[in-house]
């Protein structure tokens, strides 16, 4: 996907907390937002409103990368579009096997924006256990990075 090293993968065979230093930048922008219904579907709308008002404001950073609200929304839209093209929609479960990073947040937001639910997975989990988690969780897809992809 453009602008990210996240890779959606179709699962084959029978498989159909803490942020670790990743944070949203608390520069008071959210304090000015109107109350939004407690629904996941409102999250993309909220992010888009923040990007419209503060596109160049830092929204997310980890030890290596920093994204503005404009970049965040653009990346989430691209990921959601790619996931929808792979068949992700409401009722879909998508595994997320990434290190705690900007990429993990982008993957989760992209999955939610595509209408799916995410299944968080530790990239250090042995491959067989990871495959079993995907199977039991009903995940037909998994989002990985270049470094975590070979493990699944």
N, C-alpha and C. Protein backbone atom coordinates (compact mmCIF):
# COMPACT_ATOMS: atom_id res chain seq x y z
N UNK A 1 0.83 -1.17 0.00
CA UNK A 1 0.00 0.00 0.00
C UNK A 1 0.88 1.24 0.00
N UNK A 2 0.51 2.22 -0.72
CA UNK A 2 1.28 3.43 -0.85
C UNK A 2 1.44 4.12 0.50
N UNK A 3 2.66 4.55 0.81
CA UNK A 3 2.90 5.31 2.01
C UNK A 3 3.02 4.47 3.27
N UNK A 4 3.05 3.16 3.15
CA UNK A 4 3.15 2.31 4.32
C UNK A 4 3.71 0.97 3.91
N UNK A 5 4.33 0.28 4.85
CA UNK A 5 4.83 -1.06 4.53
C UNK A 5 3.89 -2.13 5.05
N UNK A 6 2.64 -1.76 5.36
CA UNK A 6 1.64 -2.74 5.79
C UNK A 6 1.17 -3.54 4.59
N UNK A 7 0.97 -4.81 4.79
CA UNK A 7 0.59 -5.71 3.71
C UNK A 7 -0.61 -6.53 4.13
N UNK A 8 -1.78 -6.37 3.45
CA UNK A 8 -2.90 -7.25 3.78
C UNK A 8 -2.66 -8.60 3.13
N UNK A 9 -2.95 -9.65 3.84
CA UNK A 9 -2.77 -10.99 3.30
C UNK A 9 -4.05 -11.77 3.42
N UNK A 10 -4.43 -12.50 2.37
CA UNK A 10 -5.56 -13.42 2.40
C UNK A 10 -5.06 -14.69 3.06
N UNK A 11 -5.76 -15.19 4.06
CA UNK A 11 -5.35 -16.41 4.72
C UNK A 11 -5.80 -17.59 3.88
N UNK A 12 -5.04 -18.66 3.92
CA UNK A 12 -5.39 -19.85 3.14
C UNK A 12 -5.76 -20.99 4.08
N UNK A 13 -6.19 -22.07 3.51
CA UNK A 13 -6.54 -23.24 4.30
C UNK A 13 -7.85 -23.06 5.01
N UNK A 14 -7.91 -23.57 6.25
CA UNK A 14 -9.17 -23.57 6.98
C UNK A 14 -9.47 -22.25 7.66
N UNK A 15 -8.52 -21.34 7.64
CA UNK A 15 -8.77 -20.08 8.33
C UNK A 15 -9.54 -19.17 7.42
N UNK A 16 -10.56 -19.00 7.47
CA UNK A 16 -11.32 -18.08 6.66
C UNK A 16 -11.17 -16.69 7.42
N UNK A 17 -5.05 -2.66 25.69
CA UNK A 17 -3.97 -2.30 26.31
C UNK A 17 -3.07 -1.12 26.26
N UNK A 18 -2.05 -1.65 25.83
CA UNK A 18 -0.97 -0.68 25.93
C UNK A 18 -0.47 -0.36 24.54
N UNK A 19 -0.02 0.88 24.31
CA UNK A 19 0.41 1.27 22.97
C UNK A 19 1.92 1.27 22.81
N UNK A 20 2.68 0.99 23.84
CA UNK A 20 4.12 0.86 23.71
C UNK A 20 4.79 2.08 23.11
N UNK A 21 4.43 3.27 23.51
CA UNK A 21 5.06 4.48 23.03
C UNK A 21 4.34 5.14 21.87
N UNK A 22 3.36 4.50 21.30
CA UNK A 22 2.57 5.12 20.24
C UNK A 22 1.50 5.95 20.92
N UNK A 23 1.34 7.19 20.49
CA UNK A 23 0.35 8.03 21.13
C UNK A 23 -0.23 9.03 20.16
N UNK A 24 -1.44 9.47 20.45
CA UNK A 24 -2.01 10.59 19.73
C UNK A 24 -1.49 11.84 20.41
N UNK A 25 -1.13 12.82 19.64
CA UNK A 25 -0.54 14.04 20.18
C UNK A 25 -1.59 14.88 20.89
N UNK A 26 -1.43 15.10 22.18
CA UNK A 26 -2.47 15.80 22.96
C UNK A 26 -2.28 17.32 22.95
N UNK A 27 -2.48 17.94 21.81
CA UNK A 27 -2.30 19.40 21.74
C UNK A 27 -3.63 20.13 21.85
N UNK A 28 -4.60 19.55 22.54
CA UNK A 28 -5.85 20.23 22.81
C UNK A 28 -6.87 20.18 21.70
N UNK A 29 -6.55 19.59 20.55
CA UNK A 29 -7.47 19.58 19.42
C UNK A 29 -8.73 18.80 19.78
N UNK A 30 -8.60 17.67 20.45
CA UNK A 30 -9.76 16.87 20.80
C UNK A 30 -10.69 17.58 21.78
N UNK A 31 -10.14 18.45 22.62
CA UNK A 31 -10.98 19.18 23.56
C UNK A 31 -12.01 20.05 22.85
N UNK A 32 -11.72 20.45 21.62
CA UNK A 32 -12.60 21.33 20.87
C UNK A 32 -13.62 20.57 20.03
N UNK A 33 -13.52 19.25 19.99
CA UNK A 33 -14.41 18.46 19.15
C UNK A 33 -15.76 18.28 19.84
N UNK A 34 -16.84 18.29 19.08
CA UNK A 34 -18.15 18.00 19.67
C UNK A 34 -18.20 16.55 20.11
N UNK A 35 -19.11 16.23 21.00
CA UNK A 35 -19.27 14.85 21.46
C UNK A 35 -19.73 13.99 20.29
N UNK A 36 -19.09 12.85 20.12
CA UNK A 36 -19.41 11.93 19.03
C UNK A 36 -20.04 10.69 19.65
N UNK A 37 -21.07 10.13 19.04
CA UNK A 37 -21.65 8.89 19.58
C UNK A 37 -20.58 7.82 19.77
N UNK A 38 -20.75 6.99 20.77
CA UNK A 38 -19.79 5.96 21.08
C UNK A 38 -19.95 4.79 20.10
N UNK A 39 -19.54 5.02 18.87
CA UNK A 39 -19.63 4.00 17.83
C UNK A 39 -18.35 4.00 17.02
N UNK A 40 -17.88 2.82 16.69
CA UNK A 40 -16.66 2.70 15.90
C UNK A 40 -16.83 3.38 14.55
N UNK A 41 -18.02 3.35 13.98
CA UNK A 41 -18.24 3.96 12.66
C UNK A 41 -18.03 5.47 12.71
N UNK A 42 -18.08 6.06 13.88
CA UNK A 42 -17.86 7.50 14.00
C UNK A 42 -16.37 7.84 13.99
N UNK A 43 -15.50 6.87 14.22
CA UNK A 43 -14.07 7.14 14.29
C UNK A 43 -13.52 7.72 12.99
N UNK A 44 -13.80 7.15 11.83
CA UNK A 44 -13.30 7.77 10.59
C UNK A 44 -13.83 9.19 10.40
N UNK A 45 -15.06 9.44 10.80
CA UNK A 45 -15.64 10.78 10.69
C UNK A 45 -14.90 11.75 11.60
N UNK A 46 -14.60 11.33 12.81
CA UNK A 46 -13.85 12.16 13.75
C UNK A 46 -12.46 12.46 13.21
N UNK A 47 -11.76 11.45 12.72
CA UNK A 47 -10.41 11.67 12.18
C UNK A 47 -10.43 12.60 10.98
N UNK A 48 -11.42 12.44 10.12
CA UNK A 48 -11.53 13.31 8.95
C UNK A 48 -11.79 14.77 9.38
N UNK A 49 -12.63 14.95 10.40
CA UNK A 49 -12.90 16.30 10.90
C UNK A 49 -11.63 16.92 11.48
N UNK A 50 -10.85 16.13 12.20
CA UNK A 50 -9.58 16.62 12.73
C UNK A 50 -8.62 16.98 11.61
N UNK A 51 -8.57 16.15 10.57
CA UNK A 51 -7.69 16.43 9.42
C UNK A 51 -8.14 17.68 8.68
N UNK A 52 -9.45 17.87 8.54
CA UNK A 52 -9.96 19.06 7.87
C UNK A 52 -9.57 20.33 8.62
N UNK A 53 -9.58 20.25 9.95
CA UNK A 53 -9.28 21.43 10.76
C UNK A 53 -7.79 21.61 11.02
N UNK A 54 -7.06 20.52 11.11
CA UNK A 54 -5.66 20.59 11.55
C UNK A 54 -4.79 19.61 10.77
N UNK A 55 -4.84 19.67 9.46
CA UNK A 55 -4.15 18.69 8.61
C UNK A 55 -2.66 18.60 8.89
N UNK A 56 -2.03 19.69 9.27
CA UNK A 56 -0.58 19.69 9.48
C UNK A 56 -0.16 19.49 10.93
N UNK A 57 -1.13 19.26 11.81
CA UNK A 57 -0.84 19.02 13.22
C UNK A 57 -0.43 17.57 13.41
N UNK A 58 0.57 17.35 14.24
CA UNK A 58 1.03 15.99 14.50
C UNK A 58 -0.07 15.22 15.21
N UNK A 59 -0.41 14.06 14.65
CA UNK A 59 -1.47 13.23 15.20
C UNK A 59 -0.91 11.99 15.89
N UNK A 60 0.18 11.47 15.39
CA UNK A 60 0.66 10.17 15.84
C UNK A 60 2.16 10.12 15.65
N UNK A 61 2.86 9.57 16.65
CA UNK A 61 4.30 9.40 16.50
C UNK A 61 4.76 8.22 17.33
N UNK A 62 5.81 7.61 16.85
CA UNK A 62 6.51 6.60 17.64
C UNK A 62 7.98 6.98 17.58
N UNK A 63 8.86 6.10 17.95
CA UNK A 63 10.29 6.43 17.98
C UNK A 63 10.90 6.68 16.62
N UNK A 64 10.24 6.24 15.54
CA UNK A 64 10.81 6.36 14.19
C UNK A 64 10.03 7.28 13.28
N UNK A 65 8.73 7.35 13.44
CA UNK A 65 7.89 8.08 12.48
C UNK A 65 6.95 9.03 13.18
N UNK A 66 6.52 10.01 12.40
CA UNK A 66 5.58 11.01 12.88
C UNK A 66 4.60 11.28 11.74
N UNK A 67 3.29 11.25 12.03
CA UNK A 67 2.28 11.51 11.01
C UNK A 67 1.39 12.67 11.43
N UNK A 68 1.06 13.52 10.47
CA UNK A 68 0.08 14.57 10.73
C UNK A 68 -1.32 13.98 10.57
N UNK A 69 -2.34 14.74 10.95
CA UNK A 69 -3.70 14.26 10.77
C UNK A 69 -4.01 14.02 9.30
N UNK A 70 -3.50 14.89 8.42
CA UNK A 70 -3.72 14.70 6.99
C UNK A 70 -3.10 13.40 6.49
N UNK A 71 -1.87 13.14 6.90
CA UNK A 71 -1.19 11.90 6.51
C UNK A 71 -1.87 10.68 7.12
N UNK A 72 -2.30 10.81 8.37
CA UNK A 72 -2.99 9.71 9.05
C UNK A 72 -4.25 9.31 8.30
N UNK A 73 -5.09 10.29 7.98
CA UNK A 73 -6.34 10.01 7.28
C UNK A 73 -6.06 9.43 5.89
N UNK A 74 -5.09 9.98 5.18
CA UNK A 74 -4.75 9.44 3.86
C UNK A 74 -4.28 7.99 3.93
N UNK A 75 -3.44 7.68 4.90
CA UNK A 75 -2.95 6.31 5.06
C UNK A 75 -4.06 5.35 5.45
N UNK A 76 -4.92 5.78 6.38
CA UNK A 76 -6.04 4.93 6.82
C UNK A 76 -6.98 4.68 5.65
N UNK A 77 -7.26 5.69 4.86
CA UNK A 77 -8.13 5.52 3.68
C UNK A 77 -7.53 4.51 2.69
N UNK A 78 -6.22 4.61 2.44
CA UNK A 78 -5.56 3.67 1.51
C UNK A 78 -5.61 2.23 2.03
N UNK A 79 -5.36 2.07 3.32
CA UNK A 79 -5.40 0.73 3.92
C UNK A 79 -6.82 0.17 3.86
N UNK A 80 -7.81 0.98 4.22
CA UNK A 80 -9.20 0.52 4.19
C UNK A 80 -9.62 0.14 2.77
N UNK A 81 -9.21 0.92 1.79
CA UNK A 81 -9.52 0.62 0.39
C UNK A 81 -8.90 -0.70 -0.03
N UNK A 82 -7.63 -0.91 0.34
CA UNK A 82 -6.96 -2.17 0.00
C UNK A 82 -7.63 -3.36 0.69
N UNK A 83 -8.03 -3.18 1.94
CA UNK A 83 -8.71 -4.27 2.65
C UNK A 83 -10.06 -4.58 2.04
N UNK A 84 -10.81 -3.55 1.68
CA UNK A 84 -12.11 -3.78 1.02
C UNK A 84 -11.91 -4.53 -0.30
N UNK A 85 -10.86 -4.20 -1.03
CA UNK A 85 -10.57 -4.89 -2.30
C UNK A 85 -10.25 -6.37 -2.05
N UNK A 86 -9.77 -6.69 -0.85
CA UNK A 86 -9.48 -8.08 -0.48
C UNK A 86 -10.71 -8.78 0.10
N UNK A 87 -11.83 -8.04 0.20
CA UNK A 87 -13.07 -8.66 0.68
C UNK A 87 -13.44 -8.34 2.11
N UNK A 88 -12.69 -7.47 2.78
CA UNK A 88 -13.02 -7.13 4.16
C UNK A 88 -14.23 -6.21 4.18
N UNK A 89 -15.18 -6.53 5.06
CA UNK A 89 -16.39 -5.73 5.21
C UNK A 89 -16.92 -5.96 6.63
N UNK A 90 -18.13 -5.48 6.89
CA UNK A 90 -18.75 -5.71 8.19
C UNK A 90 -18.76 -7.22 8.45
N UNK A 91 -18.56 -7.60 9.67
CA UNK A 91 -18.53 -9.00 10.10
C UNK A 91 -17.18 -9.67 9.81
N UNK A 92 -16.26 -9.02 9.10
CA UNK A 92 -14.94 -9.60 8.84
C UNK A 92 -14.05 -9.42 10.06
N UNK A 93 -13.24 -10.44 10.32
CA UNK A 93 -12.21 -10.35 11.35
C UNK A 93 -10.87 -10.35 10.63
N UNK A 94 -10.00 -9.41 11.00
CA UNK A 94 -8.69 -9.27 10.37
C UNK A 94 -7.63 -9.31 11.45
N UNK A 95 -6.67 -10.21 11.31
CA UNK A 95 -5.56 -10.27 12.25
C UNK A 95 -4.62 -9.10 12.01
N UNK A 96 -4.02 -8.60 13.08
CA UNK A 96 -3.00 -7.55 13.01
C UNK A 96 -1.76 -8.10 13.69
N UNK A 97 -0.74 -8.39 12.88
CA UNK A 97 0.51 -8.95 13.40
C UNK A 97 1.62 -7.97 13.08
N UNK A 98 1.77 -6.97 13.93
CA UNK A 98 2.78 -5.94 13.75
C UNK A 98 3.41 -5.61 15.10
N UNK A 99 4.59 -5.03 15.06
CA UNK A 99 5.19 -4.49 16.27
C UNK A 99 4.35 -3.28 16.70
N UNK A 100 4.46 -2.90 17.95
CA UNK A 100 3.78 -1.70 18.43
C UNK A 100 4.43 -0.49 17.79
N UNK A 101 3.68 0.17 16.92
CA UNK A 101 4.25 1.26 16.13
C UNK A 101 3.12 2.04 15.46
N UNK A 102 3.52 3.05 14.70
CA UNK A 102 2.57 3.79 13.88
C UNK A 102 1.85 2.82 12.95
N UNK A 103 2.57 1.85 12.38
CA UNK A 103 1.94 0.89 11.47
C UNK A 103 0.82 0.11 12.15
N UNK A 104 0.99 -0.24 13.42
CA UNK A 104 -0.05 -0.98 14.12
C UNK A 104 -1.32 -0.12 14.25
N UNK A 105 -1.15 1.14 14.61
CA UNK A 105 -2.30 2.04 14.74
C UNK A 105 -2.97 2.22 13.38
N UNK A 106 -2.18 2.40 12.32
CA UNK A 106 -2.75 2.54 10.97
C UNK A 106 -3.52 1.30 10.58
N UNK A 107 -2.98 0.12 10.88
CA UNK A 107 -3.67 -1.13 10.54
C UNK A 107 -5.01 -1.24 11.25
N UNK A 108 -5.01 -0.96 12.55
CA UNK A 108 -6.26 -1.06 13.33
C UNK A 108 -7.29 -0.06 12.80
N UNK A 109 -6.88 1.18 12.58
CA UNK A 109 -7.82 2.18 12.07
C UNK A 109 -8.30 1.83 10.67
N UNK A 110 -7.42 1.31 9.82
CA UNK A 110 -7.82 0.89 8.47
C UNK A 110 -8.83 -0.23 8.50
N UNK A 111 -8.63 -1.19 9.38
CA UNK A 111 -9.57 -2.31 9.51
C UNK A 111 -10.93 -1.80 9.97
N UNK A 112 -10.93 -0.95 10.98
CA UNK A 112 -12.20 -0.40 11.47
C UNK A 112 -12.89 0.42 10.39
N UNK A 113 -12.12 1.20 9.64
CA UNK A 113 -12.69 2.02 8.57
C UNK A 113 -13.27 1.15 7.45
N UNK A 114 -12.67 -0.01 7.22
CA UNK A 114 -13.19 -0.94 6.21
C UNK A 114 -14.44 -1.66 6.71
N UNK A 115 -14.74 -1.54 8.00
CA UNK A 115 -15.93 -2.17 8.56
C UNK A 115 -15.64 -3.43 9.35
N UNK A 116 -14.39 -3.85 9.38
CA UNK A 116 -14.04 -5.10 10.05
C UNK A 116 -13.72 -4.93 11.52
N UNK A 117 -13.42 -6.04 12.14
CA UNK A 117 -12.94 -6.09 13.53
C UNK A 117 -11.51 -6.62 13.48
N UNK A 118 -10.70 -6.20 14.45
CA UNK A 118 -9.31 -6.65 14.42
C UNK A 118 -9.03 -7.64 15.54
N UNK A 119 -8.08 -8.53 15.25
CA UNK A 119 -7.59 -9.52 16.20
C UNK A 119 -6.12 -9.22 16.40
N UNK A 120 -5.76 -8.66 17.55
CA UNK A 120 -4.37 -8.28 17.82
C UNK A 120 -3.53 -9.53 18.06
N UNK A 121 -2.37 -9.56 17.42
CA UNK A 121 -1.48 -10.71 17.53
C UNK A 121 -0.06 -10.22 17.82
N UNK A 122 0.63 -10.91 18.70
CA UNK A 122 2.02 -10.60 19.00
C UNK A 122 2.90 -11.22 17.92
N UNK A 123 3.73 -10.40 17.24
CA UNK A 123 4.59 -10.97 16.19
C UNK A 123 5.58 -12.01 16.71
N UNK A 124 5.81 -12.03 18.03
CA UNK A 124 6.72 -13.02 18.61
C UNK A 124 6.07 -14.37 18.86
N UNK A 125 4.77 -14.46 18.59
CA UNK A 125 4.05 -15.72 18.79
C UNK A 125 4.55 -16.76 17.78
N UNK A 126 4.77 -17.99 18.21
CA UNK A 126 5.17 -19.04 17.25
C UNK A 126 4.14 -19.15 16.12
N UNK A 127 4.64 -19.43 14.91
CA UNK A 127 3.80 -19.43 13.71
C UNK A 127 2.58 -20.34 13.84
N UNK A 128 2.75 -21.53 14.36
CA UNK A 128 1.62 -22.46 14.48
C UNK A 128 0.55 -21.90 15.41
N UNK A 129 0.97 -21.32 16.52
CA UNK A 129 0.00 -20.72 17.44
C UNK A 129 -0.69 -19.53 16.79
N UNK A 130 0.04 -18.73 16.04
CA UNK A 130 -0.55 -17.59 15.33
C UNK A 130 -1.61 -18.05 14.33
N UNK A 131 -1.30 -19.09 13.59
CA UNK A 131 -2.28 -19.63 12.64
C UNK A 131 -3.52 -20.14 13.36
N UNK A 132 -3.32 -20.77 14.51
CA UNK A 132 -4.46 -21.27 15.29
C UNK A 132 -5.31 -20.11 15.82
N UNK A 133 -4.66 -19.03 16.26
CA UNK A 133 -5.40 -17.84 16.73
C UNK A 133 -6.28 -17.29 15.60
N UNK A 134 -5.72 -17.22 14.40
CA UNK A 134 -6.48 -16.72 13.25
C UNK A 134 -7.67 -17.63 12.95
N UNK A 135 -7.42 -18.93 13.02
CA UNK A 135 -8.49 -19.89 12.74
C UNK A 135 -9.62 -19.79 13.77
N UNK A 136 -9.25 -19.82 15.05
CA UNK A 136 -10.25 -19.75 16.12
C UNK A 136 -10.97 -18.40 16.10
N UNK A 137 -10.24 -17.34 15.78
CA UNK A 137 -10.83 -16.00 15.74
C UNK A 137 -11.66 -15.74 14.49
N UNK A 138 -11.62 -16.66 13.53
CA UNK A 138 -12.39 -16.50 12.31
C UNK A 138 -11.82 -15.47 11.35
N UNK A 139 -10.52 -15.22 11.45
CA UNK A 139 -9.88 -14.22 10.58
C UNK A 139 -9.53 -14.84 9.23
N UNK A 140 -10.07 -14.27 8.18
CA UNK A 140 -9.75 -14.71 6.83
C UNK A 140 -8.60 -13.90 6.24
N UNK A 141 -8.21 -12.82 6.92
CA UNK A 141 -7.14 -11.94 6.46
C UNK A 141 -6.26 -11.59 7.65
N UNK A 142 -5.04 -11.18 7.35
CA UNK A 142 -4.13 -10.69 8.38
C UNK A 142 -3.31 -9.56 7.77
N UNK A 143 -3.07 -8.52 8.55
CA UNK A 143 -2.21 -7.42 8.13
C UNK A 143 -0.88 -7.60 8.83
N UNK A 144 0.18 -7.58 8.05
CA UNK A 144 1.53 -7.77 8.54
C UNK A 144 2.42 -6.66 7.99
N UNK A 145 3.61 -6.55 8.56
CA UNK A 145 4.64 -5.68 7.99
C UNK A 145 5.64 -6.57 7.27
N UNK A 146 6.58 -5.96 6.58
CA UNK A 146 7.60 -6.73 5.90
C UNK A 146 8.37 -7.63 6.87
N UNK A 147 8.58 -7.15 8.10
CA UNK A 147 9.36 -7.93 9.07
C UNK A 147 8.53 -9.00 9.79
N UNK A 148 7.20 -8.82 9.90
CA UNK A 148 6.40 -9.80 10.63
C UNK A 148 5.67 -10.77 9.70
N UNK A 149 5.62 -10.48 8.43
CA UNK A 149 4.87 -11.30 7.47
C UNK A 149 5.31 -12.75 7.36
N UNK A 150 6.62 -13.02 7.29
CA UNK A 150 7.04 -14.41 7.13
C UNK A 150 6.64 -15.33 8.28
N UNK A 151 6.38 -14.77 9.47
CA UNK A 151 6.03 -15.60 10.64
C UNK A 151 4.65 -16.22 10.55
N UNK A 152 3.75 -15.66 9.77
CA UNK A 152 2.36 -16.17 9.73
C UNK A 152 2.18 -17.10 8.55
